[in-house]
Every structure is written in C-alpha cells, then in structure tokens.
Amino acid sequence: MKEFTEIEDIELVLLSLEDLDLDCDGVSDQASVILDEYGISHKRMAGTVTNQASGDVVVPHSWLELVTGEIVDFRLRKWLGDRDEVPHGIFVPQEQFKYLGEVDQRERYTERDCFTEEYC
C-alpha cells in the first residue's frame, strides 16, 4: 500500500483527474479508486451544493468526504464558475458552500468504465 504524509501529497496525485473529460460522478469515482489504493478512508457522496451567498444550487452533485472532515471536489467550479472563492480540490468545508447529501449507493465506475463506455 502506498503512503502519504500530508494532505497536499494526496491532492497532487488527485490533481491529475481535473483535466479528464468526466463529470462530478466520474471524477469522484476515479478519486475514490486512487484513495483506496493509498488506504485513505472516505465516503462517496451524492446530493446538492448550495452557494449560500448567491442561492445557486448544484444538483445532482457527487463528491468525496474524508474521515478527517475534508471534502474532495474537482467539479464544483464547472457548475459555479472558475473563481477563487469556489472550492476546488481537497478543502475544509466552508459556510458559503453547503454540501448536503447521502452516501452514494450506486456502483462505483471503474477506470475501464469511464474510458470505454459513456458512463461517466
């Protein structure tokens, strides 16, 4: 099993996913596969994200939650704009962006699914 010493190390590996032509479920699933490879506990989540300042709501949306409380989300900016205030990567939840969801019960897409089929 591979090891990380810092959350920034994890984020560097996951940043390779941000340029993939996948939506939030596909990117979250691929990040989940990587986190599993490194033995990092997390939950795959599905639900909504609300920008409390603007009222904008992203639904449906998929992200990961680490057991330490951080969120892993590389697609929120796709829907709310590529601006610094919109969280991206691995981050501590902010009051402005309310994540509300449940554990994602659907089968996790594999890398093969994402690159050979139209699933992700």
N, C-alpha and C. Protein backbone atom coordinates (compact mmCIF):
# COMPACT_ATOMS: atom_id res chain seq x y z
N MET A 1 0.84 -1.18 0.00
CA MET A 1 0.00 0.00 0.00
C MET A 1 0.89 1.24 0.00
N LYS A 2 0.54 2.19 -0.83
CA LYS A 2 1.27 3.44 -0.92
C LYS A 2 0.95 4.31 0.29
N GLU A 3 1.84 5.25 0.63
CA GLU A 3 1.60 6.09 1.80
C GLU A 3 1.75 7.56 1.46
N PHE A 4 0.99 8.37 2.17
CA PHE A 4 1.09 9.83 2.08
C PHE A 4 1.44 10.35 3.46
N THR A 5 2.17 11.45 3.50
CA THR A 5 2.47 12.06 4.78
C THR A 5 1.65 13.33 4.99
N GLU A 6 1.19 13.95 3.94
CA GLU A 6 0.46 15.22 4.05
C GLU A 6 -0.73 15.21 3.10
N ILE A 7 -1.76 15.94 3.45
CA ILE A 7 -2.94 16.06 2.60
C ILE A 7 -2.56 16.66 1.24
N GLU A 8 -1.53 17.51 1.22
CA GLU A 8 -1.09 18.11 -0.03
C GLU A 8 -0.54 17.06 -0.98
N ASP A 9 0.07 16.00 -0.44
CA ASP A 9 0.57 14.91 -1.28
C ASP A 9 -0.58 14.20 -1.99
N ILE A 10 -1.66 13.98 -1.25
CA ILE A 10 -2.84 13.35 -1.84
C ILE A 10 -3.40 14.23 -2.95
N GLU A 11 -3.49 15.52 -2.68
CA GLU A 11 -4.07 16.43 -3.65
C GLU A 11 -3.25 16.47 -4.93
N LEU A 12 -1.93 16.41 -4.82
CA LEU A 12 -1.09 16.41 -6.02
C LEU A 12 -1.40 15.22 -6.92
N VAL A 13 -1.61 14.06 -6.33
CA VAL A 13 -1.96 12.88 -7.13
C VAL A 13 -3.34 13.05 -7.75
N LEU A 14 -4.29 13.55 -6.97
CA LEU A 14 -5.67 13.69 -7.46
C LEU A 14 -5.81 14.79 -8.51
N LEU A 15 -4.91 15.78 -8.49
CA LEU A 15 -4.98 16.86 -9.48
C LEU A 15 -4.89 16.35 -10.91
N SER A 16 -4.32 15.17 -11.09
CA SER A 16 -4.25 14.60 -12.43
C SER A 16 -5.64 14.31 -13.00
N LEU A 17 -6.65 14.26 -12.14
CA LEU A 17 -8.01 13.97 -12.59
C LEU A 17 -8.75 15.19 -13.11
N GLU A 18 -8.30 16.38 -12.75
CA GLU A 18 -9.10 17.57 -13.07
C GLU A 18 -9.20 17.86 -14.56
N ASP A 19 -8.28 17.36 -15.36
CA ASP A 19 -8.34 17.61 -16.80
C ASP A 19 -9.08 16.53 -17.58
N LEU A 20 -9.54 15.49 -16.88
CA LEU A 20 -10.30 14.44 -17.56
C LEU A 20 -11.66 14.97 -18.00
N ASP A 21 -12.14 14.45 -19.10
CA ASP A 21 -13.44 14.84 -19.63
C ASP A 21 -14.54 14.01 -18.95
N LEU A 22 -14.64 14.19 -17.63
CA LEU A 22 -15.63 13.47 -16.83
C LEU A 22 -16.41 14.47 -15.99
N ASP A 23 -17.64 14.13 -15.68
CA ASP A 23 -18.43 14.96 -14.78
C ASP A 23 -18.11 14.60 -13.34
N CYS A 24 -18.87 15.17 -12.41
CA CYS A 24 -18.55 15.01 -10.98
C CYS A 24 -18.58 13.55 -10.53
N ASP A 25 -19.51 12.74 -11.04
CA ASP A 25 -19.56 11.35 -10.61
C ASP A 25 -18.35 10.57 -11.09
N GLY A 26 -17.94 10.80 -12.33
CA GLY A 26 -16.77 10.10 -12.87
C GLY A 26 -15.48 10.48 -12.18
N VAL A 27 -15.29 11.78 -11.95
CA VAL A 27 -14.09 12.25 -11.26
C VAL A 27 -14.07 11.76 -9.82
N SER A 28 -15.22 11.82 -9.15
CA SER A 28 -15.28 11.34 -7.77
C SER A 28 -14.99 9.84 -7.69
N ASP A 29 -15.51 9.09 -8.64
CA ASP A 29 -15.24 7.65 -8.64
C ASP A 29 -13.77 7.35 -8.88
N GLN A 30 -13.14 8.08 -9.80
CA GLN A 30 -11.72 7.85 -10.05
C GLN A 30 -10.88 8.26 -8.85
N ALA A 31 -11.26 9.36 -8.19
CA ALA A 31 -10.55 9.78 -6.98
C ALA A 31 -10.73 8.73 -5.89
N SER A 32 -11.91 8.13 -5.79
CA SER A 32 -12.17 7.09 -4.81
C SER A 32 -11.27 5.88 -5.04
N VAL A 33 -11.09 5.50 -6.30
CA VAL A 33 -10.20 4.38 -6.63
C VAL A 33 -8.78 4.69 -6.15
N ILE A 34 -8.31 5.90 -6.43
CA ILE A 34 -6.95 6.29 -6.01
C ILE A 34 -6.83 6.30 -4.50
N LEU A 35 -7.81 6.88 -3.81
CA LEU A 35 -7.75 6.91 -2.35
C LEU A 35 -7.75 5.50 -1.78
N ASP A 36 -8.51 4.59 -2.37
CA ASP A 36 -8.49 3.19 -1.92
C ASP A 36 -7.11 2.58 -2.09
N GLU A 37 -6.45 2.90 -3.22
CA GLU A 37 -5.10 2.37 -3.45
C GLU A 37 -4.12 2.80 -2.36
N TYR A 38 -4.36 3.98 -1.80
CA TYR A 38 -3.48 4.51 -0.76
C TYR A 38 -4.01 4.24 0.65
N GLY A 39 -5.12 3.51 0.73
CA GLY A 39 -5.66 3.16 2.04
C GLY A 39 -6.24 4.34 2.80
N ILE A 40 -6.76 5.33 2.09
CA ILE A 40 -7.32 6.53 2.71
C ILE A 40 -8.83 6.38 2.80
N SER A 41 -9.34 6.35 4.03
CA SER A 41 -10.77 6.17 4.26
C SER A 41 -11.56 7.38 3.78
N HIS A 42 -12.66 7.11 3.13
CA HIS A 42 -13.51 8.18 2.59
C HIS A 42 -14.89 7.62 2.29
N LYS A 43 -15.83 8.53 2.05
CA LYS A 43 -17.18 8.17 1.63
C LYS A 43 -17.47 8.85 0.30
N ARG A 44 -18.10 8.12 -0.61
CA ARG A 44 -18.59 8.72 -1.84
C ARG A 44 -19.96 9.30 -1.53
N MET A 45 -20.15 10.57 -1.86
CA MET A 45 -21.38 11.27 -1.51
C MET A 45 -22.11 11.75 -2.77
N ALA A 46 -23.43 11.85 -2.65
CA ALA A 46 -24.26 12.39 -3.73
C ALA A 46 -25.33 13.27 -3.10
N GLY A 47 -25.57 14.41 -3.72
CA GLY A 47 -26.58 15.31 -3.20
C GLY A 47 -26.53 16.66 -3.87
N THR A 48 -26.52 17.72 -3.04
CA THR A 48 -26.55 19.08 -3.56
C THR A 48 -25.46 19.92 -2.90
N VAL A 49 -25.09 20.97 -3.60
CA VAL A 49 -24.21 22.00 -3.03
C VAL A 49 -24.90 23.33 -3.29
N THR A 50 -25.04 24.12 -2.23
CA THR A 50 -25.69 25.43 -2.34
C THR A 50 -24.69 26.52 -2.00
N ASN A 51 -24.60 27.49 -2.91
CA ASN A 51 -23.81 28.69 -2.62
C ASN A 51 -24.73 29.59 -1.80
N GLN A 52 -24.45 29.68 -0.50
CA GLN A 52 -25.32 30.43 0.41
C GLN A 52 -25.37 31.92 0.06
N ALA A 53 -24.32 32.44 -0.56
CA ALA A 53 -24.28 33.87 -0.89
C ALA A 53 -25.16 34.20 -2.10
N SER A 54 -25.12 33.34 -3.11
CA SER A 54 -25.86 33.64 -4.34
C SER A 54 -27.18 32.89 -4.46
N GLY A 55 -27.31 31.81 -3.71
CA GLY A 55 -28.50 30.98 -3.83
C GLY A 55 -28.40 29.92 -4.92
N ASP A 56 -27.30 29.92 -5.68
CA ASP A 56 -27.11 28.91 -6.72
C ASP A 56 -27.03 27.52 -6.10
N VAL A 57 -27.70 26.56 -6.74
CA VAL A 57 -27.71 25.18 -6.26
C VAL A 57 -27.22 24.26 -7.37
N VAL A 58 -26.31 23.37 -7.03
CA VAL A 58 -25.84 22.35 -7.97
C VAL A 58 -26.46 21.03 -7.53
N VAL A 59 -27.29 20.47 -8.42
CA VAL A 59 -27.96 19.21 -8.14
C VAL A 59 -28.22 18.48 -9.45
N PRO A 60 -27.93 17.23 -9.57
CA PRO A 60 -27.23 16.40 -8.61
C PRO A 60 -25.74 16.71 -8.62
N HIS A 61 -25.06 16.36 -7.54
CA HIS A 61 -23.62 16.57 -7.45
C HIS A 61 -23.00 15.41 -6.68
N SER A 62 -21.77 15.06 -7.04
CA SER A 62 -21.03 13.99 -6.37
C SER A 62 -19.70 14.53 -5.87
N TRP A 63 -19.29 14.06 -4.70
CA TRP A 63 -18.01 14.46 -4.10
C TRP A 63 -17.59 13.36 -3.14
N LEU A 64 -16.42 13.52 -2.55
CA LEU A 64 -15.93 12.59 -1.53
C LEU A 64 -15.78 13.33 -0.22
N GLU A 65 -15.96 12.60 0.88
CA GLU A 65 -15.68 13.14 2.21
C GLU A 65 -14.65 12.25 2.87
N LEU A 66 -13.55 12.86 3.31
CA LEU A 66 -12.53 12.12 4.04
C LEU A 66 -12.97 11.98 5.49
N VAL A 67 -12.49 10.96 6.19
CA VAL A 67 -12.88 10.77 7.59
C VAL A 67 -12.38 11.91 8.47
N THR A 68 -11.41 12.65 7.99
CA THR A 68 -10.89 13.81 8.73
C THR A 68 -11.75 15.06 8.54
N GLY A 69 -12.81 14.97 7.69
CA GLY A 69 -13.74 16.07 7.51
C GLY A 69 -13.55 16.87 6.24
N GLU A 70 -12.41 16.72 5.56
CA GLU A 70 -12.21 17.46 4.32
C GLU A 70 -13.10 16.91 3.21
N ILE A 71 -13.39 17.77 2.26
CA ILE A 71 -14.15 17.40 1.07
C ILE A 71 -13.18 17.32 -0.10
N VAL A 72 -13.43 16.37 -0.99
CA VAL A 72 -12.68 16.23 -2.23
C VAL A 72 -13.67 16.51 -3.35
N ASP A 73 -13.45 17.62 -4.08
CA ASP A 73 -14.37 18.01 -5.14
C ASP A 73 -13.59 18.75 -6.22
N PHE A 74 -13.54 18.14 -7.40
CA PHE A 74 -12.83 18.75 -8.52
C PHE A 74 -13.78 19.22 -9.62
N ARG A 75 -15.09 19.26 -9.34
CA ARG A 75 -16.04 19.66 -10.38
C ARG A 75 -16.99 20.78 -10.00
N LEU A 76 -16.96 21.30 -8.79
CA LEU A 76 -17.90 22.35 -8.42
C LEU A 76 -17.71 23.60 -9.27
N ARG A 77 -16.47 23.92 -9.61
CA ARG A 77 -16.21 25.10 -10.44
C ARG A 77 -16.78 24.95 -11.85
N LYS A 78 -16.97 23.74 -12.29
CA LYS A 78 -17.58 23.53 -13.62
C LYS A 78 -18.98 24.12 -13.63
N TRP A 79 -19.69 24.05 -12.52
CA TRP A 79 -21.07 24.50 -12.45
C TRP A 79 -21.21 25.90 -11.87
N LEU A 80 -20.29 26.31 -10.97
CA LEU A 80 -20.43 27.61 -10.30
C LEU A 80 -19.41 28.64 -10.77
N GLY A 81 -18.60 28.28 -11.73
CA GLY A 81 -17.63 29.22 -12.27
C GLY A 81 -16.23 28.99 -11.73
N ASP A 82 -15.25 29.24 -12.57
CA ASP A 82 -13.85 29.03 -12.22
C ASP A 82 -13.32 30.27 -11.49
N ARG A 83 -13.80 30.44 -10.26
CA ARG A 83 -13.41 31.59 -9.44
C ARG A 83 -12.76 31.09 -8.16
N ASP A 84 -11.85 31.90 -7.63
CA ASP A 84 -11.11 31.51 -6.43
C ASP A 84 -12.00 31.17 -5.24
N GLU A 85 -13.14 31.85 -5.10
CA GLU A 85 -13.99 31.61 -3.93
C GLU A 85 -14.74 30.28 -3.99
N VAL A 86 -14.82 29.68 -5.18
CA VAL A 86 -15.48 28.37 -5.32
C VAL A 86 -14.46 27.29 -4.96
N PRO A 87 -14.76 26.47 -3.94
CA PRO A 87 -13.78 25.47 -3.51
C PRO A 87 -13.43 24.48 -4.60
N HIS A 88 -12.19 23.99 -4.54
CA HIS A 88 -11.69 23.08 -5.57
C HIS A 88 -10.57 22.24 -4.98
N GLY A 89 -10.59 20.96 -5.23
CA GLY A 89 -9.54 20.07 -4.74
C GLY A 89 -9.94 19.44 -3.42
N ILE A 90 -9.01 19.44 -2.46
CA ILE A 90 -9.27 18.94 -1.11
C ILE A 90 -9.32 20.15 -0.19
N PHE A 91 -10.42 20.29 0.54
CA PHE A 91 -10.58 21.50 1.35
C PHE A 91 -11.48 21.23 2.55
N VAL A 92 -11.36 22.09 3.55
CA VAL A 92 -12.25 22.08 4.70
C VAL A 92 -13.54 22.77 4.25
N PRO A 93 -14.70 22.18 4.57
CA PRO A 93 -15.97 22.80 4.16
C PRO A 93 -16.07 24.24 4.65
N GLN A 94 -16.66 25.09 3.80
CA GLN A 94 -16.87 26.50 4.11
C GLN A 94 -18.35 26.76 4.33
N GLU A 95 -18.66 27.75 5.14
CA GLU A 95 -20.07 28.09 5.37
C GLU A 95 -20.77 28.54 4.10
N GLN A 96 -20.05 29.21 3.20
CA GLN A 96 -20.68 29.74 1.99
C GLN A 96 -21.19 28.63 1.07
N PHE A 97 -20.53 27.47 1.09
CA PHE A 97 -20.91 26.38 0.20
C PHE A 97 -21.38 25.20 1.05
N LYS A 98 -22.69 25.00 1.06
CA LYS A 98 -23.28 23.95 1.91
C LYS A 98 -23.45 22.67 1.11
N TYR A 99 -22.72 21.64 1.52
CA TYR A 99 -22.83 20.31 0.93
C TYR A 99 -23.87 19.53 1.72
N LEU A 100 -24.86 18.98 1.04
CA LEU A 100 -25.90 18.21 1.69
C LEU A 100 -26.15 16.96 0.85
N GLY A 101 -25.93 15.81 1.45
CA GLY A 101 -26.12 14.59 0.67
C GLY A 101 -26.06 13.35 1.53
N GLU A 102 -26.07 12.23 0.85
CA GLU A 102 -26.02 10.92 1.47
C GLU A 102 -24.93 10.11 0.80
N VAL A 103 -24.55 9.02 1.45
CA VAL A 103 -23.57 8.12 0.85
C VAL A 103 -24.13 7.64 -0.48
N ASP A 104 -23.30 7.72 -1.51
CA ASP A 104 -23.69 7.33 -2.87
C ASP A 104 -23.78 5.80 -2.93
N GLN A 105 -24.97 5.28 -3.19
CA GLN A 105 -25.20 3.84 -3.19
C GLN A 105 -24.97 3.19 -4.56
N ARG A 106 -24.78 4.01 -5.59
CA ARG A 106 -24.61 3.41 -6.91
C ARG A 106 -23.25 2.71 -6.99
N GLU A 107 -23.14 1.79 -7.92
CA GLU A 107 -21.87 1.10 -8.13
C GLU A 107 -20.82 2.10 -8.60
N ARG A 108 -19.63 1.99 -8.07
CA ARG A 108 -18.56 2.90 -8.45
C ARG A 108 -18.06 2.53 -9.84
N TYR A 109 -17.94 3.55 -10.69
CA TYR A 109 -17.37 3.33 -12.02
C TYR A 109 -15.90 3.00 -11.89
N THR A 110 -15.45 2.08 -12.71
CA THR A 110 -14.03 1.78 -12.74
C THR A 110 -13.39 2.62 -13.83
N GLU A 111 -12.07 2.64 -13.85
CA GLU A 111 -11.36 3.37 -14.90
C GLU A 111 -11.77 2.85 -16.27
N ARG A 112 -11.93 1.55 -16.39
CA ARG A 112 -12.32 0.95 -17.67
C ARG A 112 -13.70 1.48 -18.10
N ASP A 113 -14.65 1.53 -17.17
CA ASP A 113 -15.98 2.05 -17.49
C ASP A 113 -15.88 3.47 -18.03
N CYS A 114 -15.09 4.30 -17.37
CA CYS A 114 -15.03 5.71 -17.73
C CYS A 114 -14.38 5.96 -19.07
N PHE A 115 -13.48 5.08 -19.49
CA PHE A 115 -12.76 5.36 -20.72
C PHE A 115 -13.19 4.49 -21.89
N THR A 116 -14.05 3.50 -21.65
CA THR A 116 -14.50 2.65 -22.76
C THR A 116 -16.00 2.76 -22.98
N GLU A 117 -16.72 3.34 -22.06
CA GLU A 117 -18.17 3.45 -22.16
C GLU A 117 -18.57 4.92 -21.98
N GLU A 118 -19.83 5.19 -22.11
CA GLU A 118 -20.35 6.55 -21.93
C GLU A 118 -20.97 6.72 -20.55
N TYR A 119 -20.40 6.08 -19.52
CA TYR A 119 -20.97 6.14 -18.18
C TYR A 119 -20.66 7.41 -17.44
N CYS A 120 -19.47 7.90 -17.54
CA CYS A 120 -19.03 8.98 -16.64
C CYS A 120 -19.24 10.36 -17.21
